[in-house]
């Protein structure tokens, strides 16, 4: 009986020891498994932060690109400006004119803000009042090496004779055209409108002007002042 009791006790003790070992092994395995996902999570987060850094570096413009953009904006907005003084209906006016260039005729000029410069047809530009499109100045230019002032003057006289009975403009009326080699002008007056033709030579460029104006706007002097700034582009 004692032997049997001893054997039973030994078996129970052995079973407890085995169960304890298994429990310990399982606990160690469980701890190891818990630690592994933590490491994996950390490793997965690393590339995400690296990708973000790469994206940010791609999206952020370099200082050279920023400088270039600023320079482009400055170049676009910066134009040569000049004060132009003229008379309108007996009143003295002063405005800032901006340099404009002909798209086809190879000249540049100072243009007042109340006008638009466009191409009428090949060889002819139109400087038109924004307030009234019937007030305008037609501009034709040619290099002095390709034509002569005498031919241009004859052409202008023929045109003015076709319009009506022209009267020659005085030197005072043409005072806006300073530092020119030659200049001559004519006017045909109607009831409240007038047509003016001017031809002048300056810096190797021969220019012909045909101006249509009226008493309501009276912009002849303003157009003279702009035309006097015509020069080779």
Protein backbone atom coordinates (compact mmCIF):
# COMPACT_ATOMS: atom_id res chain seq x y z
CA UNK A 1 0.00 0.00 0.00
CA UNK A 2 2.80 2.43 0.82
CA UNK A 3 4.57 1.50 -2.40
CA UNK A 4 1.42 2.24 -4.34
CA UNK A 5 1.04 5.63 -2.60
CA UNK A 6 4.67 6.50 -3.27
CA UNK A 7 4.32 5.57 -6.93
CA UNK A 8 1.22 7.71 -7.25
CA UNK A 9 2.93 10.69 -5.60
CA UNK A 10 5.91 10.33 -7.91
CA UNK A 11 3.66 10.27 -10.96
CA UNK A 12 1.78 13.36 -9.82
CA UNK A 13 5.01 15.24 -9.15
CA UNK A 14 6.36 14.26 -12.56
CA UNK A 15 3.16 15.45 -14.24
CA UNK A 16 3.34 18.79 -12.43
CA UNK A 17 6.98 19.27 -13.44
CA UNK A 18 6.23 18.45 -17.11
CA UNK A 19 3.22 20.78 -17.16
CA UNK A 20 5.33 23.55 -15.66
CA UNK A 21 8.02 23.11 -18.28
CA UNK A 22 5.43 23.22 -21.08
CA UNK A 23 3.85 26.34 -19.59
CA UNK A 24 7.26 28.02 -19.35
CA UNK A 25 8.08 27.15 -22.97
CA UNK A 26 4.72 28.50 -24.12
CA UNK A 27 5.22 31.72 -22.17
CA UNK A 28 8.64 32.22 -23.74
CA UNK A 29 7.20 31.56 -27.22
CA UNK A 30 4.34 33.95 -26.53
CA UNK A 31 6.74 36.67 -25.37
CA UNK A 32 8.87 36.18 -28.45
CA UNK A 33 5.81 36.45 -30.70
CA UNK A 34 4.76 39.63 -28.94
CA UNK A 35 8.18 41.17 -29.49
CA UNK A 36 8.37 40.20 -33.20
CA UNK A 37 5.33 42.21 -34.42
CA UNK A 38 6.68 45.24 -32.60
CA UNK A 39 9.94 45.02 -34.55
CA UNK A 40 8.07 44.42 -37.80
CA UNK A 41 5.86 47.48 -37.21
CA UNK A 42 8.90 49.66 -36.63
CA UNK A 43 10.53 48.37 -39.80
CA UNK A 44 7.36 49.02 -41.83
CA UNK A 45 7.12 52.59 -40.55
CA UNK A 46 10.67 53.43 -41.62
CA UNK A 47 10.09 53.32 -45.40
CA UNK A 48 6.90 55.39 -45.00
CA UNK A 49 8.82 58.23 -43.39
CA UNK A 50 11.54 57.92 -46.02
CA UNK A 51 8.92 58.05 -48.82
CA UNK A 52 7.41 61.14 -47.24
CA UNK A 53 10.81 62.79 -47.16
CA UNK A 54 11.31 61.94 -50.86
CA UNK A 55 7.88 63.36 -51.75
CA UNK A 56 8.57 66.55 -49.83
CA UNK A 57 11.90 67.00 -51.59
CA UNK A 58 10.16 66.57 -54.96
CA UNK A 59 7.35 69.01 -54.14
CA UNK A 60 9.54 71.73 -52.65
CA UNK A 61 10.97 73.96 -55.46
CA UNK A 62 14.65 74.69 -55.37
CA UNK A 63 15.86 78.20 -54.74
CA UNK A 64 17.10 78.42 -58.34
CA UNK A 65 13.61 77.62 -59.69
CA UNK A 66 12.02 80.17 -57.37
CA UNK A 67 14.53 82.84 -58.44
CA UNK A 68 13.85 82.06 -62.10
CA UNK A 69 10.07 82.37 -61.64
CA UNK A 70 10.49 85.72 -59.90
CA UNK A 71 12.83 86.94 -62.64
CA UNK A 72 10.33 85.92 -65.34
CA UNK A 73 7.56 87.86 -63.60
CA UNK A 74 9.82 90.89 -63.30
CA UNK A 75 10.86 90.75 -66.96
CA UNK A 76 7.24 90.54 -68.06
CA UNK A 77 6.06 93.49 -65.98
CA UNK A 78 9.06 95.78 -66.41
CA UNK A 79 8.75 98.11 -69.45
CA UNK A 80 10.30 101.44 -70.34
CA UNK A 81 8.02 104.26 -69.23
CA UNK A 82 8.12 107.92 -70.24
CA UNK A 83 6.06 110.96 -69.29
CA UNK A 84 4.19 112.46 -72.22
CA UNK A 85 2.77 115.99 -72.06
CA UNK A 86 0.05 117.07 -74.49
CA UNK A 87 -2.91 119.42 -74.85
CA UNK A 88 -6.50 118.25 -75.07
CA UNK A 89 -9.28 120.80 -75.56
CA UNK A 90 -6.90 123.55 -74.43
CA UNK A 91 -6.03 121.72 -71.20
CA UNK A 92 -2.52 120.53 -70.35
CA UNK A 93 -2.30 116.80 -69.70
CA UNK A 94 0.55 114.58 -68.45
CA UNK A 95 0.44 110.79 -68.62
CA UNK A 96 2.89 107.93 -68.41
CA UNK A 97 3.40 106.17 -71.73
CA UNK A 98 4.72 102.63 -72.08
CA UNK A 99 6.99 101.38 -74.85
CA UNK A 100 5.21 99.30 -77.50
CA UNK A 101 6.67 97.46 -80.48
CA UNK A 102 5.13 96.90 -83.89
CA UNK A 103 4.57 93.25 -84.67
CA UNK A 104 5.49 93.68 -88.34
CA UNK A 105 7.03 97.07 -89.17
CA UNK A 106 10.19 97.00 -87.01
CA UNK A 107 9.62 100.13 -84.95
CA UNK A 108 8.88 100.98 -81.32
CA UNK A 109 7.10 103.93 -79.74
CA UNK A 110 5.77 105.32 -76.46
CA UNK A 111 2.07 104.49 -76.17
CA UNK A 112 -0.40 106.27 -73.88
CA UNK A 113 -2.78 104.07 -71.83
CA UNK A 114 -5.88 105.35 -73.63
CA UNK A 115 -4.84 103.74 -76.94
CA UNK A 116 -4.42 100.29 -78.46
CA UNK A 117 -1.78 99.45 -81.09
CA UNK A 118 -2.83 96.77 -83.61
CA UNK A 119 -1.97 95.69 -87.14
CA UNK A 120 -4.54 96.95 -89.65
CA UNK A 121 -3.04 95.06 -92.58
CA UNK A 122 0.47 94.10 -93.73
CA UNK A 123 2.56 97.28 -93.77
CA UNK A 124 0.06 99.33 -91.75
CA UNK A 125 -0.59 99.65 -88.01
CA UNK A 126 -3.46 101.37 -86.22
CA UNK A 127 -3.21 103.28 -82.94
CA UNK A 128 -6.86 103.46 -81.87
CA UNK A 129 -8.51 105.41 -79.05
CA UNK A 130 -10.15 103.11 -76.50
CA UNK A 131 -12.86 105.73 -75.96
CA UNK A 132 -13.84 106.07 -79.61
CA UNK A 133 -12.62 103.73 -82.34
CA UNK A 134 -13.25 106.41 -84.99
CA UNK A 135 -10.37 108.40 -83.53
CA UNK A 136 -7.14 106.76 -84.64
CA UNK A 137 -3.71 107.15 -86.22
CA UNK A 138 -2.61 104.91 -89.08
CA UNK A 139 1.16 104.30 -89.06
CA UNK A 140 3.29 103.23 -92.02
CA UNK A 141 7.08 103.01 -91.79
CA UNK A 142 9.83 102.08 -94.23
CA UNK A 143 13.59 102.01 -93.97
CA UNK A 144 15.17 105.05 -95.66
CA UNK A 145 17.45 102.72 -97.62
CA UNK A 146 14.38 101.16 -99.32
CA UNK A 147 12.50 104.36 -100.22
CA UNK A 148 12.88 108.13 -100.22
CA UNK A 149 11.32 110.94 -98.23
CA UNK A 150 10.27 112.67 -101.49
CA UNK A 151 8.30 109.58 -102.61
CA UNK A 152 6.62 109.29 -99.20
CA UNK A 153 5.66 112.99 -99.27
CA UNK A 154 4.18 112.71 -102.75
CA UNK A 155 2.16 109.67 -101.71
CA UNK A 156 0.82 111.55 -98.66
CA UNK A 157 -0.09 114.64 -100.74
CA UNK A 158 -2.00 112.48 -103.22
CA UNK A 159 -3.96 110.86 -100.40
CA UNK A 160 -4.84 114.16 -98.73
CA UNK A 161 -5.95 115.66 -102.07
CA UNK A 162 -8.30 112.69 -102.46
CA UNK A 163 -9.77 113.34 -99.00
CA UNK A 164 -10.56 117.03 -99.58
CA UNK A 165 -8.84 120.39 -99.80
CA UNK A 166 -5.73 120.11 -97.60
CA UNK A 167 -4.01 122.98 -95.83
CA UNK A 168 -0.34 122.78 -94.85
CA UNK A 169 0.44 122.55 -91.14
CA UNK A 170 2.75 125.23 -89.73
CA UNK A 171 6.07 124.55 -88.03
CA UNK A 172 4.39 125.43 -84.72
CA UNK A 173 1.68 122.84 -85.30
CA UNK A 174 4.41 120.28 -86.03
CA UNK A 175 6.56 121.32 -83.04
CA UNK A 176 6.15 117.86 -81.48
CA UNK A 177 8.46 116.42 -84.14
CA UNK A 178 11.82 117.48 -82.78
CA UNK A 179 15.18 116.18 -83.95
CA UNK A 180 13.77 114.95 -87.26
CA UNK A 181 15.53 115.25 -90.58
CA UNK A 182 12.40 116.19 -92.54
CA UNK A 183 8.74 116.72 -91.68
CA UNK A 184 5.65 117.95 -93.49
CA UNK A 185 1.96 117.81 -92.64
CA UNK A 186 -1.50 118.63 -94.03
CA UNK A 187 -5.02 118.87 -92.62
CA UNK A 188 -8.50 118.63 -94.11
CA UNK A 189 -11.15 120.12 -91.82
CA UNK A 190 -14.76 119.00 -91.85
CA UNK A 191 -17.63 120.17 -89.66
CA UNK A 192 -16.56 118.56 -86.36
CA UNK A 193 -13.93 116.18 -87.65
CA UNK A 194 -10.55 116.43 -89.36
CA UNK A 195 -8.09 114.27 -91.24
CA UNK A 196 -4.37 114.96 -90.84
CA UNK A 197 -1.49 113.56 -92.86
CA UNK A 198 2.14 113.78 -91.71
CA UNK A 199 5.33 112.37 -93.17
CA UNK A 200 8.72 112.59 -91.45
CA UNK A 201 12.19 111.09 -91.55
CA UNK A 202 14.13 110.26 -88.39
CA UNK A 203 17.09 107.99 -87.64
CA UNK A 204 16.98 106.26 -91.02
CA UNK A 205 13.23 105.57 -90.80
CA UNK A 206 10.53 107.23 -92.94
CA UNK A 207 7.10 107.34 -91.29
CA UNK A 208 3.69 108.24 -92.74
CA UNK A 209 0.83 109.12 -90.38
CA UNK A 210 -2.88 109.43 -91.17
CA UNK A 211 -4.89 110.80 -88.26
CA UNK A 212 -8.66 110.89 -87.88
CA UNK A 213 -9.82 113.08 -84.97
CA UNK A 214 -12.93 114.95 -83.83
CA UNK A 215 -13.74 117.97 -81.68
CA UNK A 216 -15.26 115.80 -78.96
CA UNK A 217 -11.98 114.06 -78.04
CA UNK A 218 -9.37 116.35 -79.63
CA UNK A 219 -6.46 113.89 -79.34
CA UNK A 220 -4.36 115.15 -82.24
CA UNK A 221 -1.61 116.56 -80.01
CA UNK A 222 -1.49 113.34 -77.98
CA UNK A 223 -1.06 111.29 -81.17
CA UNK A 224 1.60 113.70 -82.45
CA UNK A 225 3.56 113.29 -79.20
CA UNK A 226 3.42 109.51 -79.44
CA UNK A 227 4.32 109.48 -83.13
CA UNK A 228 7.36 111.66 -82.45
CA UNK A 229 8.82 108.80 -80.36
CA UNK A 230 8.77 106.33 -83.26
CA UNK A 231 12.21 104.80 -83.80
CA UNK A 232 13.79 101.66 -85.16
CA UNK A 233 13.18 98.59 -83.02
